[in-house]
Amino acid sequence: MSYNSSTETNCACSKDIKKDEESNFDLVLKEKWMEAQKNGVFRYILNIQDSKILEGKYHFLVQLNIDRGYKRRSPENIISMNQPFNEKDFNFTKLVSEEQIMNLNNTDKDDIIAINASPIEYCHSLLLPQRCKQLPQLVTKHSLLKAIELFSLSLSSL
């Protein structure tokens, strides 16, 4: 799915947005995420059995999602924020096409949105800028601009 963000921008000031209003981007993201779930692309069907907001300064949300504990891919051993790319380990160049739900306006599919195959929440997705460049997972000028672009396309307050 290619999403041409330069022609379909759906920005609005927050005072103009109704609570349940969704942009074209929001609708496409939800549709593609649900389609991936229906097609069995996830490691499990999201089933949050219980949730609670903790007391305290930050009011953290905790959720009981047993399947994530047992069915997710084993996490990588990350020892540095600037860990070098290793093509033998899991990396986002290895994503199957079914996990890729949006191409962000480029022909080489280097900037995409993908599902998180082990979701922690409804529509849990990943922004993967310059994924084919085999960079460490650091914020770059390009990735920050892509994130801001996505925020401007969405009307979601979540």
Protein backbone atom coordinates (compact mmCIF):
# COMPACT_ATOMS: atom_id res chain seq x y z
CA MET A 1 0.00 0.00 0.00
CA SER A 2 1.45 3.30 -1.00
CA TYR A 3 0.27 6.34 0.90
CA ASN A 4 1.09 9.55 -0.87
CA SER A 5 1.46 11.84 2.09
CA SER A 6 2.27 14.92 0.04
CA THR A 7 -1.11 14.97 -1.69
CA GLU A 8 -3.35 13.47 0.97
CA THR A 9 -2.24 15.49 3.98
CA ASN A 10 -5.09 15.82 6.40
CA CYS A 11 -3.95 18.40 8.97
CA ALA A 12 -6.14 20.36 11.32
CA CYS A 13 -5.70 22.46 14.41
CA SER A 14 -6.64 20.59 17.59
CA LYS A 15 -9.45 23.03 18.37
CA ASP A 16 -11.11 22.05 15.05
CA ILE A 17 -10.96 18.29 15.68
CA LYS A 18 -13.94 16.42 17.07
CA LYS A 19 -13.09 13.69 19.59
CA ASP A 20 -13.89 10.69 17.35
CA GLU A 21 -12.82 12.23 14.04
CA GLU A 22 -10.34 10.25 11.95
CA SER A 23 -8.18 11.29 9.03
CA ASN A 24 -7.77 9.29 5.83
CA PHE A 25 -4.41 8.18 7.22
CA ASP A 26 -6.01 6.90 10.45
CA LEU A 27 -8.65 4.97 8.51
CA VAL A 28 -6.13 3.35 6.16
CA LEU A 29 -3.84 2.40 9.05
CA LYS A 30 -6.71 0.75 10.96
CA GLU A 31 -7.99 -1.02 7.85
CA LYS A 32 -4.58 -2.44 6.94
CA TRP A 33 -3.80 -3.44 10.54
CA MET A 34 -7.12 -5.29 10.87
CA GLU A 35 -6.57 -6.94 7.48
CA ALA A 36 -3.17 -8.21 8.65
CA GLN A 37 -4.77 -9.58 11.82
CA LYS A 38 -7.53 -11.29 9.83
CA ASN A 39 -4.90 -12.85 7.52
CA GLY A 40 -2.96 -14.33 10.45
CA VAL A 41 0.18 -12.20 10.04
CA PHE A 42 0.55 -11.57 13.79
CA ARG A 43 2.18 -14.03 16.19
CA TYR A 44 -1.05 -13.93 18.22
CA ILE A 45 -4.45 -12.23 18.25
CA LEU A 46 -4.29 -9.26 20.61
CA ASN A 47 -6.14 -10.24 23.77
CA ILE A 48 -5.57 -7.83 26.65
CA GLN A 49 -7.13 -9.68 29.57
CA ASP A 50 -6.87 -6.92 32.14
CA SER A 51 -5.53 -3.39 32.45
CA LYS A 52 -5.00 -0.91 35.23
CA ILE A 53 -3.76 2.67 35.61
CA LEU A 54 -1.22 2.84 38.41
CA GLU A 55 -1.31 5.50 41.08
CA GLY A 56 1.60 7.86 41.31
CA LYS A 57 3.16 10.76 39.48
CA TYR A 58 2.99 9.27 35.97
CA HIS A 59 -0.15 7.07 36.11
CA PHE A 60 1.40 4.28 34.05
CA LEU A 61 -0.94 1.88 32.27
CA VAL A 62 -0.22 -1.81 32.87
CA GLN A 63 -1.84 -4.54 30.81
CA LEU A 64 -2.07 -8.31 31.09
CA ASN A 65 -1.23 -9.70 27.66
CA ILE A 66 -0.16 -13.29 28.30
CA ASP A 67 0.32 -14.18 24.63
CA ARG A 68 2.99 -11.51 24.21
CA GLY A 69 5.03 -13.14 26.94
CA TYR A 70 4.90 -16.58 25.35
CA LYS A 71 4.50 -16.03 21.61
CA ARG A 72 6.64 -13.01 20.73
CA ARG A 73 10.01 -13.29 19.03
CA SER A 74 12.86 -13.46 21.52
CA PRO A 75 14.27 -9.96 22.00
CA GLU A 76 17.72 -9.13 20.68
CA ASN A 77 20.59 -8.57 23.08
CA ILE A 78 20.99 -4.80 22.78
CA ILE A 79 24.16 -3.57 24.46
CA SER A 80 24.41 -0.07 22.99
CA MET A 81 22.15 2.67 21.61
CA ASN A 82 24.51 2.81 18.65
CA GLN A 83 24.81 -0.93 18.09
CA PRO A 84 26.16 -1.72 14.61
CA PHE A 85 23.84 -3.33 12.08
CA ASN A 86 24.22 -7.11 11.86
CA GLU A 87 22.52 -8.70 8.87
CA LYS A 88 22.53 -12.12 10.60
CA ASP A 89 20.33 -10.89 13.46
CA PHE A 90 16.69 -9.91 13.14
CA ASN A 91 16.38 -6.62 11.27
CA PHE A 92 13.66 -4.76 9.44
CA THR A 93 15.03 -5.57 5.98
CA LYS A 94 13.80 -9.13 6.65
CA LEU A 95 10.13 -8.17 7.07
CA VAL A 96 7.75 -10.18 4.93
CA SER A 97 5.54 -8.11 2.64
CA GLU A 98 2.42 -8.99 4.66
CA GLU A 99 3.85 -7.10 7.65
CA GLN A 100 4.38 -3.95 5.57
CA ILE A 101 1.13 -1.99 5.58
CA MET A 102 2.11 1.39 4.13
CA ASN A 103 4.80 2.77 1.87
CA LEU A 104 5.42 6.42 2.77
CA ASN A 105 5.64 8.14 -0.57
CA ASN A 106 8.80 6.68 -2.00
CA THR A 107 9.46 4.25 -4.80
CA ASP A 108 12.18 2.21 -3.10
CA LYS A 109 9.99 1.23 -0.09
CA ASP A 110 12.69 2.51 2.23
CA ASP A 111 10.23 4.40 4.48
CA ILE A 112 7.34 2.22 5.58
CA ILE A 113 4.86 1.55 8.33
CA ALA A 114 4.72 -2.08 9.41
CA ILE A 115 2.64 -3.96 11.92
CA ASN A 116 4.28 -5.02 15.14
CA ALA A 117 3.79 -8.79 14.81
CA SER A 118 3.65 -9.01 18.63
CA PRO A 119 1.33 -6.09 19.39
CA ILE A 120 0.84 -4.56 22.80
CA GLU A 121 -2.15 -2.47 21.72
CA TYR A 122 -4.74 -2.15 18.94
CA CYS A 123 -3.08 -0.85 15.73
CA HIS A 124 0.43 -1.16 17.27
CA SER A 125 2.61 -0.31 14.29
CA LEU A 126 6.19 0.65 13.57
CA LEU A 127 7.54 3.62 11.61
CA LEU A 128 10.58 2.26 9.76
CA PRO A 129 12.41 5.14 8.05
CA GLN A 130 15.35 4.33 5.81
CA ARG A 131 15.05 0.66 6.78
CA CYS A 132 17.05 -0.57 3.78
CA LYS A 133 20.07 1.57 4.69
CA GLN A 134 20.93 -0.83 7.53
CA LEU A 135 21.43 1.92 10.12
CA PRO A 136 21.37 1.51 13.91
CA GLN A 137 17.99 2.38 15.43
CA LEU A 138 18.83 6.01 16.18
CA VAL A 139 16.90 9.20 15.60
CA THR A 140 18.12 10.94 12.46
CA LYS A 141 16.95 14.15 10.85
CA HIS A 142 15.13 12.06 8.24
CA SER A 143 13.42 9.81 10.81
CA LEU A 144 12.35 12.76 12.94
CA LEU A 145 10.85 14.50 9.90
CA LYS A 146 8.98 11.29 8.96
CA ALA A 147 7.59 11.01 12.50
CA ILE A 148 6.41 14.64 12.44
CA GLU A 149 4.87 14.05 9.01
CA LEU A 150 2.89 11.10 10.37
CA PHE A 151 1.69 13.08 13.38
CA SER A 152 0.43 15.75 10.98
CA LEU A 153 -1.49 13.12 8.97
CA SER A 154 -3.31 11.67 11.98
CA LEU A 155 -6.17 13.15 13.93
CA SER A 156 -5.82 10.59 16.71
CA SER A 157 -5.08 11.89 20.17
CA LEU A 158 -3.71 8.50 21.28
